[in-house]
Amino acid sequence: IGLNTKQYERVLLEATKEQRESFDQSILTMLNWSKKMIKSKNKILILTNTIAGTEYVKQLAEQVFPGECASYYSSMKPKEKEAALKKRIISATEGSLGTGADIKGIQHVYNILTYSNKIGAKQYPGRGRKIDDKTPIVYVEFVNMEYRRTYLQFQKRRPYLRKYAKGNKIIIIS
């Protein structure tokens, strides 16, 4: 198939349980790591492409942070959005929180999107904003190295990620 962002996510979400196992385990491993590292008042933002993607990742996050997770997407009602932003784990579509959003207290940003533009490479790490007490901000990029196109996209954006990731540090999960 042609690999664009929504098709890639759809293929991933519709894969058999066995095929999704590696992806699920990567997300759960990082969430468990974050749970040990993140300060109690801070948040984790997980960027996906689709509403189905936000729901899927939210269900995974609930295994590690029960009752502390929310999905966030553009078509939600304002009160639903407000409630979602109060949660500790926010699974959001790139279109709703990927660029231009300013949410205080985001300490860890997980990006499971596939994309090739440098604007995204600048914006996504920037969702984690400087925290007053100098808490380190972490940006995690999930890259599916089995798809040649996702790997090539990653190679294009890697220099921008290095430049714009807080502290010039980036974690790559493949």
Protein backbone atom coordinates (compact mmCIF):
# COMPACT_ATOMS: atom_id res chain seq x y z
CA ILE A 1 0.00 0.00 0.00
CA GLY A 2 0.99 3.63 -0.30
CA LEU A 3 2.20 4.77 3.08
CA ASN A 4 0.73 7.99 4.32
CA THR A 5 0.18 8.80 7.97
CA LYS A 6 -3.43 7.69 8.28
CA GLN A 7 -3.00 4.53 6.22
CA TYR A 8 0.06 3.56 8.28
CA GLU A 9 -1.87 3.94 11.53
CA ARG A 10 -4.90 2.09 10.14
CA VAL A 11 -2.72 -0.87 9.06
CA LEU A 12 -1.10 -0.92 12.50
CA LEU A 13 -4.41 -0.80 14.39
CA GLU A 14 -6.07 -3.42 12.18
CA ALA A 15 -3.13 -5.84 12.37
CA THR A 16 -3.45 -9.11 14.22
CA LYS A 17 -2.67 -9.15 17.91
CA GLU A 18 0.61 -10.91 17.20
CA GLN A 19 1.63 -8.22 14.71
CA ARG A 20 0.79 -5.40 17.14
CA GLU A 21 2.59 -7.06 20.05
CA SER A 22 5.93 -5.32 19.46
CA PHE A 23 4.27 -1.91 19.13
CA ASP A 24 2.17 -2.43 22.26
CA GLN A 25 5.17 -3.61 24.24
CA SER A 26 7.23 -0.59 23.16
CA ILE A 27 4.51 1.80 24.32
CA LEU A 28 3.99 -0.04 27.62
CA THR A 29 7.73 -0.21 28.31
CA MET A 30 8.10 3.54 27.81
CA LEU A 31 5.02 4.29 29.91
CA ASN A 32 6.42 2.19 32.76
CA TRP A 33 9.74 4.02 32.43
CA SER A 34 7.94 7.37 32.43
CA LYS A 35 5.94 6.41 35.49
CA LYS A 36 9.22 6.12 37.41
CA MET A 37 10.66 9.35 35.96
CA ILE A 38 7.80 11.81 35.65
CA LYS A 39 6.99 14.21 38.46
CA SER A 40 3.55 13.75 39.99
CA LYS A 41 2.14 17.06 38.72
CA ASN A 42 3.45 16.66 35.16
CA LYS A 43 1.95 15.06 32.05
CA ILE A 44 2.68 12.79 29.12
CA LEU A 45 1.45 13.70 25.64
CA ILE A 46 1.14 10.88 23.08
CA LEU A 47 0.65 12.02 19.47
CA THR A 48 -1.29 9.85 17.02
CA ASN A 49 -2.97 10.48 13.65
CA THR A 50 -6.54 9.37 14.13
CA ILE A 51 -9.27 9.29 16.76
CA ALA A 52 -9.06 5.48 16.67
CA GLY A 53 -5.33 5.82 17.35
CA THR A 54 -5.93 8.05 20.37
CA GLU A 55 -8.41 5.54 21.79
CA TYR A 56 -6.08 2.59 21.20
CA VAL A 57 -3.11 4.28 22.86
CA LYS A 58 -5.31 5.52 25.71
CA GLN A 59 -6.33 1.91 26.43
CA LEU A 60 -2.65 0.90 26.55
CA ALA A 61 -1.84 3.83 28.85
CA GLU A 62 -4.70 2.86 31.19
CA GLN A 63 -2.78 -0.35 31.95
CA VAL A 64 0.03 1.71 33.49
CA PHE A 65 -1.86 4.84 34.62
CA PRO A 66 -5.39 3.63 35.46
CA GLY A 67 -7.96 6.46 35.57
CA GLU A 68 -5.38 9.08 34.56
CA CYS A 69 -5.73 8.96 30.76
CA ALA A 70 -7.75 10.83 28.16
CA SER A 71 -8.14 11.05 24.42
CA TYR A 72 -8.11 14.49 22.80
CA TYR A 73 -9.16 15.41 19.27
CA SER A 74 -10.55 18.41 17.43
CA SER A 75 -14.18 17.30 17.18
CA MET A 76 -14.64 16.98 20.95
CA LYS A 77 -16.92 19.41 22.75
CA PRO A 78 -15.12 22.22 24.61
CA LYS A 79 -15.92 20.80 28.07
CA GLU A 80 -14.63 17.38 27.01
CA LYS A 81 -11.40 18.98 25.77
CA GLU A 82 -11.01 20.90 29.01
CA ALA A 83 -11.49 17.72 31.07
CA ALA A 84 -9.05 15.79 28.87
CA LEU A 85 -6.32 18.39 29.34
CA LYS A 86 -6.55 17.93 33.12
CA LYS A 87 -5.58 14.25 32.85
CA ARG A 88 -2.01 13.09 33.36
CA ILE A 89 -1.78 11.13 30.09
CA ILE A 90 -3.21 12.81 26.98
CA SER A 91 -3.45 10.75 23.81
CA ALA A 92 -4.09 13.32 21.08
CA THR A 93 -4.30 13.58 17.35
CA GLU A 94 -1.53 15.53 15.69
CA GLY A 95 -4.15 17.84 14.20
CA SER A 96 -5.51 18.79 17.62
CA LEU A 97 -2.30 19.17 19.66
CA GLY A 98 0.60 18.60 17.31
CA THR A 99 1.33 22.19 16.32
CA GLY A 100 0.60 25.46 18.03
CA ALA A 101 -0.66 23.96 21.29
CA ASP A 102 0.69 25.17 24.61
CA ILE A 103 -0.13 22.85 27.47
CA LYS A 104 1.70 23.43 30.72
CA GLY A 105 3.42 20.59 32.55
CA ILE A 106 4.11 18.22 29.66
CA GLN A 107 7.31 16.48 30.71
CA HIS A 108 7.29 13.58 28.23
CA VAL A 109 6.14 13.63 24.59
CA TYR A 110 5.70 10.37 22.69
CA ASN A 111 5.35 10.58 18.94
CA ILE A 112 4.04 7.51 17.13
CA LEU A 113 3.29 9.42 13.92
CA THR A 114 5.04 8.86 10.66
CA TYR A 115 5.77 12.13 8.87
CA SER A 116 8.41 13.62 6.62
CA ASN A 117 8.23 17.38 7.07
CA LYS A 118 10.63 19.52 9.06
CA ILE A 119 7.77 21.57 10.52
CA GLY A 120 6.56 18.51 12.43
CA ALA A 121 10.12 17.72 13.49
CA LYS A 122 10.34 21.20 14.98
CA GLN A 123 6.85 21.33 16.49
CA TYR A 124 6.41 17.87 18.03
CA PRO A 125 9.42 17.96 20.38
CA GLY A 126 8.32 21.48 21.31
CA ARG A 127 5.06 20.24 22.82
CA GLY A 128 7.12 19.54 25.94
CA ARG A 129 7.62 23.02 27.33
CA LYS A 130 10.29 24.22 29.71
CA ILE A 131 9.21 23.53 33.28
CA ASP A 132 10.15 26.16 35.88
CA ASP A 133 11.97 23.79 38.25
CA LYS A 134 14.34 22.69 35.43
CA THR A 135 12.77 19.24 35.19
CA PRO A 136 14.19 17.49 32.13
CA ILE A 137 11.82 17.25 29.18
CA VAL A 138 11.88 13.98 27.21
CA TYR A 139 10.86 13.49 23.59
CA VAL A 140 10.39 9.90 22.38
CA GLU A 141 10.11 9.11 18.67
CA PHE A 142 8.69 5.68 17.78
CA VAL A 143 10.00 4.58 14.36
CA ASN A 144 8.89 1.42 12.59
CA MET A 145 12.15 0.36 10.94
CA GLU A 146 10.40 -2.52 9.15
CA TYR A 147 8.80 -0.07 6.72
CA ARG A 148 11.46 1.37 4.44
CA ARG A 149 9.46 4.54 3.95
CA THR A 150 9.11 5.27 7.68
CA TYR A 151 12.85 4.75 8.07
CA LEU A 152 13.62 7.12 5.17
CA GLN A 153 11.20 9.70 6.59
CA PHE A 154 12.93 9.42 9.94
CA GLN A 155 16.36 9.92 8.36
CA LYS A 156 15.12 13.16 6.74
CA ARG A 157 13.75 14.59 9.97
CA ARG A 158 16.48 13.35 12.32
CA PRO A 159 18.69 16.50 12.03
CA TYR A 160 15.69 18.70 12.88
CA LEU A 161 14.72 16.50 15.81
CA ARG A 162 18.24 16.78 17.21
CA LYS A 163 18.11 20.54 16.84
CA TYR A 164 14.69 21.09 18.38
CA ALA A 165 14.40 18.35 21.01
CA LYS A 166 14.79 19.86 24.48
CA GLY A 167 18.39 19.56 25.62
CA ASN A 168 19.28 18.14 22.18
CA LYS A 169 18.39 14.70 23.50
CA ILE A 170 16.05 12.32 21.76
CA ILE A 171 15.03 8.74 22.46
CA ILE A 172 14.31 6.61 19.41
CA ILE A 173 12.27 3.44 19.81
CA SER A 174 12.42 1.14 16.79
